[in-house]
Amino acid sequence: MNQNIQKLYEIAQKPSRKIIGLMSGTSMDGLDVALCEYRGSGLDTKVKVLKFETVSFAEDVKIEIRKIFAKKEIDFQQLCV
């Protein structure tokens, strides 16, 4: 088995896991960061948000994001950077 997949499998087997989630919505105001604790698995999974914060984007970053959204086709490398 791939080492990365094996590591994820081992983490998933733990009774409690802390995971950081990242998201940027369509408002483009910043990056939402959530630290969550997951307990259990499957239908018995419980999630608790431990910490949440929005980190504002600098104006030059907002401009670059708007340029990407304005295009019909994009370069995925540019999108990820």
PDB file of N, CA and C in Angstrom:
ATOM      1  N   MET A   1       0.842  -1.178   0.000  1.00  0.00           N
ATOM      2  CA  MET A   1       0.000   0.000   0.000  1.00  0.00           C
ATOM      3  C   MET A   1       0.892   1.249   0.000  1.00  0.00           C
ATOM      4  N   ASN A   2       0.466   2.270  -0.710  1.00  0.00           N
ATOM      5  CA  ASN A   2       1.169   3.549  -0.742  1.00  0.00           C
ATOM      6  C   ASN A   2       1.355   4.068   0.683  1.00  0.00           C
ATOM      7  N   GLN A   3       2.541   4.608   0.990  1.00  0.00           N
ATOM      8  CA  GLN A   3       2.837   5.077   2.351  1.00  0.00           C
ATOM      9  C   GLN A   3       1.889   6.183   2.813  1.00  0.00           C
ATOM     10  N   ASN A   4       1.533   7.091   1.905  1.00  0.00           N
ATOM     11  CA  ASN A   4       0.618   8.174   2.271  1.00  0.00           C
ATOM     12  C   ASN A   4      -0.772   7.639   2.593  1.00  0.00           C
ATOM     13  N   ILE A   5      -1.241   6.697   1.788  1.00  0.00           N
ATOM     14  CA  ILE A   5      -2.546   6.079   2.036  1.00  0.00           C
ATOM     15  C   ILE A   5      -2.507   5.312   3.347  1.00  0.00           C
ATOM     16  N   GLN A   6      -1.415   4.618   3.592  1.00  0.00           N
ATOM     17  CA  GLN A   6      -1.262   3.861   4.840  1.00  0.00           C
ATOM     18  C   GLN A   6      -1.328   4.800   6.046  1.00  0.00           C
ATOM     19  N   LYS A   7      -0.650   5.943   5.954  1.00  0.00           N
ATOM     20  CA  LYS A   7      -0.652   6.915   7.049  1.00  0.00           C
ATOM     21  C   LYS A   7      -2.067   7.448   7.294  1.00  0.00           C
ATOM     22  N   LEU A   8      -2.786   7.778   6.218  1.00  0.00           N
ATOM     23  CA  LEU A   8      -4.167   8.247   6.362  1.00  0.00           C
ATOM     24  C   LEU A   8      -5.052   7.182   6.999  1.00  0.00           C
ATOM     25  N   TYR A   9      -4.859   5.936   6.604  1.00  0.00           N
ATOM     26  CA  TYR A   9      -5.628   4.830   7.174  1.00  0.00           C
ATOM     27  C   TYR A   9      -5.369   4.724   8.678  1.00  0.00           C
ATOM     28  N   GLU A  10      -4.108   4.838   9.071  1.00  0.00           N
ATOM     29  CA  GLU A  10      -3.757   4.756  10.495  1.00  0.00           C
ATOM     30  C   GLU A  10      -4.387   5.903  11.289  1.00  0.00           C
ATOM     31  N   ILE A  11      -4.367   7.089  10.716  1.00  0.00           N
ATOM     32  CA  ILE A  11      -4.980   8.241  11.385  1.00  0.00           C
ATOM     33  C   ILE A  11      -6.489   8.038  11.516  1.00  0.00           C
ATOM     34  N   ALA A  12      -7.118   7.535  10.458  1.00  0.00           N
ATOM     35  CA  ALA A  12      -8.569   7.321  10.467  1.00  0.00           C
ATOM     36  C   ALA A  12      -8.996   6.307  11.520  1.00  0.00           C
ATOM     37  N   GLN A  13      -8.114   5.410  11.903  1.00  0.00           N
ATOM     38  CA  GLN A  13      -8.440   4.382  12.890  1.00  0.00           C
ATOM     39  C   GLN A  13      -8.390   4.898  14.328  1.00  0.00           C
ATOM     40  N   LYS A  14      -7.831   6.070  14.530  1.00  0.00           N
ATOM     41  CA  LYS A  14      -7.721   6.620  15.885  1.00  0.00           C
ATOM     42  C   LYS A  14      -9.108   7.024  16.392  1.00  0.00           C
ATOM     43  N   PRO A  15      -9.340   6.928  17.703  1.00  0.00           N
ATOM     44  CA  PRO A  15     -10.651   7.299  18.245  1.00  0.00           C
ATOM     45  C   PRO A  15     -10.937   8.799  18.142  1.00  0.00           C
ATOM     46  N   SER A  16      -9.881   9.619  18.070  1.00  0.00           N
ATOM     47  CA  SER A  16     -10.043  11.063  17.967  1.00  0.00           C
ATOM     48  C   SER A  16      -8.996  11.610  16.998  1.00  0.00           C
ATOM     49  N   ARG A  17      -9.445  12.500  16.104  1.00  0.00           N
ATOM     50  CA  ARG A  17      -8.535  13.109  15.144  1.00  0.00           C
ATOM     51  C   ARG A  17      -8.768  14.610  15.107  1.00  0.00           C
ATOM     52  N   LYS A  18      -7.689  15.378  15.024  1.00  0.00           N
ATOM     53  CA  LYS A  18      -7.800  16.825  14.836  1.00  0.00           C
ATOM     54  C   LYS A  18      -7.438  17.126  13.389  1.00  0.00           C
ATOM     55  N   ILE A  19      -8.323  17.886  12.743  1.00  0.00           N
ATOM     56  CA  ILE A  19      -8.166  18.163  11.318  1.00  0.00           C
ATOM     57  C   ILE A  19      -8.352  19.660  11.090  1.00  0.00           C
ATOM     58  N   ILE A  20      -7.511  20.225  10.234  1.00  0.00           N
ATOM     59  CA  ILE A  20      -7.642  21.629   9.851  1.00  0.00           C
ATOM     60  C   ILE A  20      -8.292  21.680   8.476  1.00  0.00           C
ATOM     61  N   GLY A  21      -9.375  22.437   8.367  1.00  0.00           N
ATOM     62  CA  GLY A  21     -10.066  22.630   7.097  1.00  0.00           C
ATOM     63  C   GLY A  21      -9.854  24.047   6.600  1.00  0.00           C
ATOM     64  N   LEU A  22      -9.668  24.185   5.292  1.00  0.00           N
ATOM     65  CA  LEU A  22      -9.450  25.489   4.666  1.00  0.00           C
ATOM     66  C   LEU A  22     -10.487  25.707   3.578  1.00  0.00           C
ATOM     67  N   MET A  23     -11.023  26.934   3.488  1.00  0.00           N
ATOM     68  CA  MET A  23     -11.992  27.234   2.444  1.00  0.00           C
ATOM     69  C   MET A  23     -11.991  28.731   2.158  1.00  0.00           C
ATOM     70  N   SER A  24     -12.162  29.060   0.905  1.00  0.00           N
ATOM     71  CA  SER A  24     -12.359  30.450   0.518  1.00  0.00           C
ATOM     72  C   SER A  24     -13.658  30.507  -0.269  1.00  0.00           C
ATOM     73  N   GLY A  25     -14.582  31.314   0.179  1.00  0.00           N
ATOM     74  CA  GLY A  25     -15.879  31.398  -0.488  1.00  0.00           C
ATOM     75  C   GLY A  25     -15.871  32.355  -1.659  1.00  0.00           C
ATOM     76  N   THR A  26     -17.048  32.552  -2.245  1.00  0.00           N
ATOM     77  CA  THR A  26     -17.166  33.402  -3.429  1.00  0.00           C
ATOM     78  C   THR A  26     -17.008  34.887  -3.110  1.00  0.00           C
ATOM     79  N   SER A  27     -17.103  35.268  -1.846  1.00  0.00           N
ATOM     80  CA  SER A  27     -16.925  36.685  -1.493  1.00  0.00           C
ATOM     81  C   SER A  27     -15.471  37.125  -1.640  1.00  0.00           C
ATOM     82  N   MET A  28     -14.560  36.176  -1.650  1.00  0.00           N
ATOM     83  CA  MET A  28     -13.129  36.433  -1.807  1.00  0.00           C
ATOM     84  C   MET A  28     -12.579  37.374  -0.739  1.00  0.00           C
ATOM     85  N   ASP A  29     -13.184  37.361   0.442  1.00  0.00           N
ATOM     86  CA  ASP A  29     -12.699  38.252   1.494  1.00  0.00           C
ATOM     87  C   ASP A  29     -11.521  37.671   2.256  1.00  0.00           C
ATOM     88  N   GLY A  30     -11.371  36.353   2.220  1.00  0.00           N
ATOM     89  CA  GLY A  30     -10.257  35.751   2.938  1.00  0.00           C
ATOM     90  C   GLY A  30     -10.331  34.240   2.954  1.00  0.00           C
ATOM     91  N   LEU A  31      -9.438  33.663   3.703  1.00  0.00           N
ATOM     92  CA  LEU A  31      -9.350  32.216   3.846  1.00  0.00           C
ATOM     93  C   LEU A  31      -9.936  31.835   5.201  1.00  0.00           C
ATOM     94  N   ASP A  32     -10.967  30.983   5.190  1.00  0.00           N
ATOM     95  CA  ASP A  32     -11.561  30.490   6.428  1.00  0.00           C
ATOM     96  C   ASP A  32     -10.788  29.260   6.877  1.00  0.00           C
ATOM     97  N   VAL A  33     -10.379  29.260   8.134  1.00  0.00           N
ATOM     98  CA  VAL A  33      -9.591  28.166   8.697  1.00  0.00           C
ATOM     99  C   VAL A  33     -10.334  27.633   9.920  1.00  0.00           C
ATOM    100  N   ALA A  34     -10.570  26.324   9.944  1.00  0.00           N
ATOM    101  CA  ALA A  34     -11.249  25.706  11.083  1.00  0.00           C
ATOM    102  C   ALA A  34     -10.423  24.532  11.601  1.00  0.00           C
ATOM    103  N   LEU A  35     -10.193  24.518  12.904  1.00  0.00           N
ATOM    104  CA  LEU A  35      -9.570  23.376  13.565  1.00  0.00           C
ATOM    105  C   LEU A  35     -10.700  22.597  14.214  1.00  0.00           C
ATOM    106  N   CYS A  36     -10.873  21.348  13.787  1.00  0.00           N
ATOM    107  CA  CYS A  36     -11.978  20.522  14.274  1.00  0.00           C
ATOM    108  C   CYS A  36     -11.453  19.231  14.886  1.00  0.00           C
ATOM    109  N   GLU A  37     -12.215  18.723  15.839  1.00  0.00           N
ATOM    110  CA  GLU A  37     -11.899  17.424  16.427  1.00  0.00           C
ATOM    111  C   GLU A  37     -13.000  16.458  16.016  1.00  0.00           C
ATOM    112  N   TYR A  38     -12.598  15.343  15.431  1.00  0.00           N
ATOM    113  CA  TYR A  38     -13.519  14.292  15.010  1.00  0.00           C
ATOM    114  C   TYR A  38     -13.372  13.115  15.957  1.00  0.00           C
ATOM    115  N   ARG A  39     -14.509  12.602  16.424  1.00  0.00           N
ATOM    116  CA  ARG A  39     -14.518  11.404  17.278  1.00  0.00           C
ATOM    117  C   ARG A  39     -15.446  10.383  16.641  1.00  0.00           C
ATOM    118  N   GLY A  40     -15.054   9.122  16.725  1.00  0.00           N
ATOM    119  CA  GLY A  40     -15.875   8.054  16.165  1.00  0.00           C
ATOM    120  C   GLY A  40     -15.678   7.911  14.672  1.00  0.00           C
ATOM    121  N   SER A  41     -16.591   7.137  14.058  1.00  0.00           N
ATOM    122  CA  SER A  41     -16.516   6.927  12.612  1.00  0.00           C
ATOM    123  C   SER A  41     -17.902   6.609  12.070  1.00  0.00           C
ATOM    124  N   GLY A  42     -18.017   6.719  10.758  1.00  0.00           N
ATOM    125  CA  GLY A  42     -19.285   6.416  10.105  1.00  0.00           C
ATOM    126  C   GLY A  42     -20.420   7.290  10.621  1.00  0.00           C
ATOM    127  N   LEU A  43     -21.595   6.679  10.816  1.00  0.00           N
ATOM    128  CA  LEU A  43     -22.763   7.419  11.283  1.00  0.00           C
ATOM    129  C   LEU A  43     -22.614   7.913  12.719  1.00  0.00           C
ATOM    130  N   ASP A  44     -21.666   7.360  13.450  1.00  0.00           N
ATOM    131  CA  ASP A  44     -21.442   7.761  14.840  1.00  0.00           C
ATOM    132  C   ASP A  44     -20.401   8.873  14.982  1.00  0.00           C
ATOM    133  N   THR A  45     -19.968   9.454  13.883  1.00  0.00           N
ATOM    134  CA  THR A  45     -18.948  10.500  13.928  1.00  0.00           C
ATOM    135  C   THR A  45     -19.505  11.767  14.573  1.00  0.00           C
ATOM    136  N   LYS A  46     -18.740  12.322  15.477  1.00  0.00           N
ATOM    137  CA  LYS A  46     -19.077  13.592  16.128  1.00  0.00           C
ATOM    138  C   LYS A  46     -17.973  14.588  15.789  1.00  0.00           C
ATOM    139  N   VAL A  47     -18.371  15.824  15.484  1.00  0.00           N
ATOM    140  CA  VAL A  47     -17.410  16.864  15.116  1.00  0.00           C
ATOM    141  C   VAL A  47     -17.580  18.051  16.054  1.00  0.00           C
ATOM    142  N   LYS A  48     -16.464  18.576  16.524  1.00  0.00           N
ATOM    143  CA  LYS A  48     -16.471  19.760  17.378  1.00  0.00           C
ATOM    144  C   LYS A  48     -15.493  20.772  16.790  1.00  0.00           C
ATOM    145  N   VAL A  49     -15.955  21.992  16.565  1.00  0.00           N
ATOM    146  CA  VAL A  49     -15.077  23.058  16.086  1.00  0.00           C
ATOM    147  C   VAL A  49     -14.323  23.615  17.292  1.00  0.00           C
ATOM    148  N   LEU A  50     -13.010  23.476  17.272  1.00  0.00           N
ATOM    149  CA  LEU A  50     -12.176  23.940  18.379  1.00  0.00           C
ATOM    150  C   LEU A  50     -11.757  25.395  18.215  1.00  0.00           C
ATOM    151  N   LYS A  51     -11.533  25.798  16.970  1.00  0.00           N
ATOM    152  CA  LYS A  51     -11.071  27.162  16.690  1.00  0.00           C
ATOM    153  C   LYS A  51     -11.442  27.489  15.257  1.00  0.00           C
ATOM    154  N   PHE A  52     -11.861  28.739  15.020  1.00  0.00           N
ATOM    155  CA  PHE A  52     -12.215  29.188  13.681  1.00  0.00           C
ATOM    156  C   PHE A  52     -11.699  30.608  13.499  1.00  0.00           C
ATOM    157  N   GLU A  53     -11.170  30.875  12.313  1.00  0.00           N
ATOM    158  CA  GLU A  53     -10.689  32.226  12.028  1.00  0.00           C
ATOM    159  C   GLU A  53     -10.719  32.474  10.527  1.00  0.00           C
ATOM    160  N   THR A  54     -11.002  33.702  10.147  1.00  0.00           N
ATOM    161  CA  THR A  54     -10.883  34.120   8.754  1.00  0.00           C
ATOM    162  C   THR A  54      -9.645  34.992   8.632  1.00  0.00           C
ATOM    163  N   VAL A  55      -8.764  34.610   7.717  1.00  0.00           N
ATOM    164  CA  VAL A  55      -7.545  35.374   7.447  1.00  0.00           C
ATOM    165  C   VAL A  55      -7.798  36.166   6.168  1.00  0.00           C
ATOM    166  N   SER A  56      -7.817  37.477   6.285  1.00  0.00           N
ATOM    167  CA  SER A  56      -8.125  38.331   5.133  1.00  0.00           C
ATOM    168  C   SER A  56      -7.052  38.224   4.061  1.00  0.00           C
ATOM    169  N   PHE A  57      -7.511  38.270   2.801  1.00  0.00           N
ATOM    170  CA  PHE A  57      -6.581  38.305   1.680  1.00  0.00           C
ATOM    171  C   PHE A  57      -6.050  39.723   1.517  1.00  0.00           C
ATOM    172  N   ALA A  58      -4.791  39.844   1.151  1.00  0.00           N
ATOM    173  CA  ALA A  58      -4.225  41.141   0.787  1.00  0.00           C
ATOM    174  C   ALA A  58      -4.880  41.596  -0.516  1.00  0.00           C
ATOM    175  N   GLU A  59      -4.930  42.889  -0.741  1.00  0.00           N
ATOM    176  CA  GLU A  59      -5.604  43.421  -1.925  1.00  0.00           C
ATOM    177  C   GLU A  59      -5.012  42.866  -3.218  1.00  0.00           C
ATOM    178  N   ASP A  60      -3.685  42.701  -3.302  1.00  0.00           N
ATOM    179  CA  ASP A  60      -3.074  42.172  -4.527  1.00  0.00           C
ATOM    180  C   ASP A  60      -3.491  40.719  -4.771  1.00  0.00           C
ATOM    181  N   VAL A  61      -3.718  39.964  -3.710  1.00  0.00           N
ATOM    182  CA  VAL A  61      -4.182  38.575  -3.859  1.00  0.00           C
ATOM    183  C   VAL A  61      -5.619  38.570  -4.377  1.00  0.00           C
ATOM    184  N   LYS A  62      -6.462  39.457  -3.856  1.00  0.00           N
ATOM    185  CA  LYS A  62      -7.848  39.559  -4.334  1.00  0.00           C
ATOM    186  C   LYS A  62      -7.881  39.869  -5.827  1.00  0.00           C
ATOM    187  N   ILE A  63      -7.005  40.762  -6.267  1.00  0.00           N
ATOM    188  CA  ILE A  63      -6.944  41.127  -7.689  1.00  0.00           C
ATOM    189  C   ILE A  63      -6.599  39.905  -8.531  1.00  0.00           C
ATOM    190  N   GLU A  64      -5.616  39.120  -8.104  1.00  0.00           N
ATOM    191  CA  GLU A  64      -5.223  37.915  -8.843  1.00  0.00           C
ATOM    192  C   GLU A  64      -6.358  36.889  -8.871  1.00  0.00           C
ATOM    193  N   ILE A  65      -7.074  36.739  -7.774  1.00  0.00           N
ATOM    194  CA  ILE A  65      -8.203  35.799  -7.723  1.00  0.00           C
ATOM    195  C   ILE A  65      -9.291  36.242  -8.696  1.00  0.00           C
ATOM    196  N   ARG A  66      -9.599  37.532  -8.711  1.00  0.00           N
ATOM    197  CA  ARG A  66     -10.620  38.045  -9.638  1.00  0.00           C
ATOM    198  C   ARG A  66     -10.218  37.803 -11.090  1.00  0.00           C
ATOM    199  N   LYS A  67      -8.934  37.940 -11.408  1.00  0.00           N
ATOM    200  CA  LYS A  67      -8.457  37.685 -12.774  1.00  0.00           C
ATOM    201  C   LYS A  67      -8.733  36.237 -13.171  1.00  0.00           C
ATOM    202  N   ILE A  68      -8.502  35.318 -12.246  1.00  0.00           N
ATOM    203  CA  ILE A  68      -8.723  33.899 -12.534  1.00  0.00           C
ATOM    204  C   ILE A  68     -10.204  33.624 -12.745  1.00  0.00           C
ATOM    205  N   PHE A  69     -11.070  34.179 -11.884  1.00  0.00           N
ATOM    206  CA  PHE A  69     -12.513  33.952 -12.009  1.00  0.00           C
ATOM    207  C   PHE A  69     -13.082  34.556 -13.284  1.00  0.00           C
ATOM    208  N   ALA A  70     -12.436  35.570 -13.843  1.00  0.00           N
ATOM    209  CA  ALA A  70     -12.931  36.237 -15.042  1.00  0.00           C
ATOM    210  C   ALA A  70     -12.673  35.428 -16.313  1.00  0.00           C
ATOM    211  N   LYS A  71     -11.820  34.416 -16.246  1.00  0.00           N
ATOM    212  CA  LYS A  71     -11.456  33.633 -17.428  1.00  0.00           C
ATOM    213  C   LYS A  71     -12.426  32.478 -17.651  1.00  0.00           C
ATOM    214  N   LYS A  72     -12.608  32.124 -18.943  1.00  0.00           N
ATOM    215  CA  LYS A  72     -13.409  30.945 -19.275  1.00  0.00           C
ATOM    216  C   LYS A  72     -12.608  29.673 -19.061  1.00  0.00           C
ATOM    217  N   GLU A  73     -11.317  29.736 -19.359  1.00  0.00           N
ATOM    218  CA  GLU A  73     -10.427  28.594 -19.161  1.00  0.00           C
ATOM    219  C   GLU A  73      -9.261  29.049 -18.295  1.00  0.00           C
ATOM    220  N   ILE A  74      -8.815  28.145 -17.415  1.00  0.00           N
ATOM    221  CA  ILE A  74      -7.724  28.511 -16.515  1.00  0.00           C
ATOM    222  C   ILE A  74      -6.648  27.436 -16.508  1.00  0.00           C
ATOM    223  N   ASP A  75      -5.476  27.857 -16.135  1.00  0.00           N
ATOM    224  CA  ASP A  75      -4.348  26.956 -15.932  1.00  0.00           C
ATOM    225  C   ASP A  75      -4.408  26.495 -14.474  1.00  0.00           C
ATOM    226  N   PHE A  76      -4.564  25.197 -14.242  1.00  0.00           N
ATOM    227  CA  PHE A  76      -4.719  24.693 -12.876  1.00  0.00           C
ATOM    228  C   PHE A  76      -3.515  25.002 -11.998  1.00  0.00           C
ATOM    229  N   GLN A  77      -2.339  25.075 -12.588  1.00  0.00           N
ATOM    230  CA  GLN A  77      -1.158  25.432 -11.798  1.00  0.00           C
ATOM    231  C   GLN A  77      -1.301  26.852 -11.256  1.00  0.00           C
ATOM    232  N   GLN A  78      -1.780  27.764 -12.090  1.00  0.00           N
ATOM    233  CA  GLN A  78      -1.994  29.146 -11.653  1.00  0.00           C
ATOM    234  C   GLN A  78      -3.089  29.199 -10.590  1.00  0.00           C
ATOM    235  N   LEU A  79      -4.135  28.414 -10.759  1.00  0.00           N
ATOM    236  CA  LEU A  79      -5.231  28.378  -9.798  1.00  0.00           C
ATOM    237  C   LEU A  79      -4.750  27.928  -8.423  1.00  0.00           C
ATOM    238  N   CYS A  80      -3.884  26.938  -8.384  1.00  0.00           N
ATOM    239  CA  CYS A  80      -3.410  26.382  -7.115  1.00  0.00           C
ATOM    240  C   CYS A  80      -2.382  27.257  -6.432  1.00  0.00           C
ATOM    241  N   VAL A  81      -1.669  28.057  -7.171  1.00  0.00           N
ATOM    242  CA  VAL A  81      -0.646  28.919  -6.579  1.00  0.00           C
ATOM    243  C   VAL A  81      -1.335  30.096  -5.973  1.00  0.00           C
TER     244      VAL A  81
END
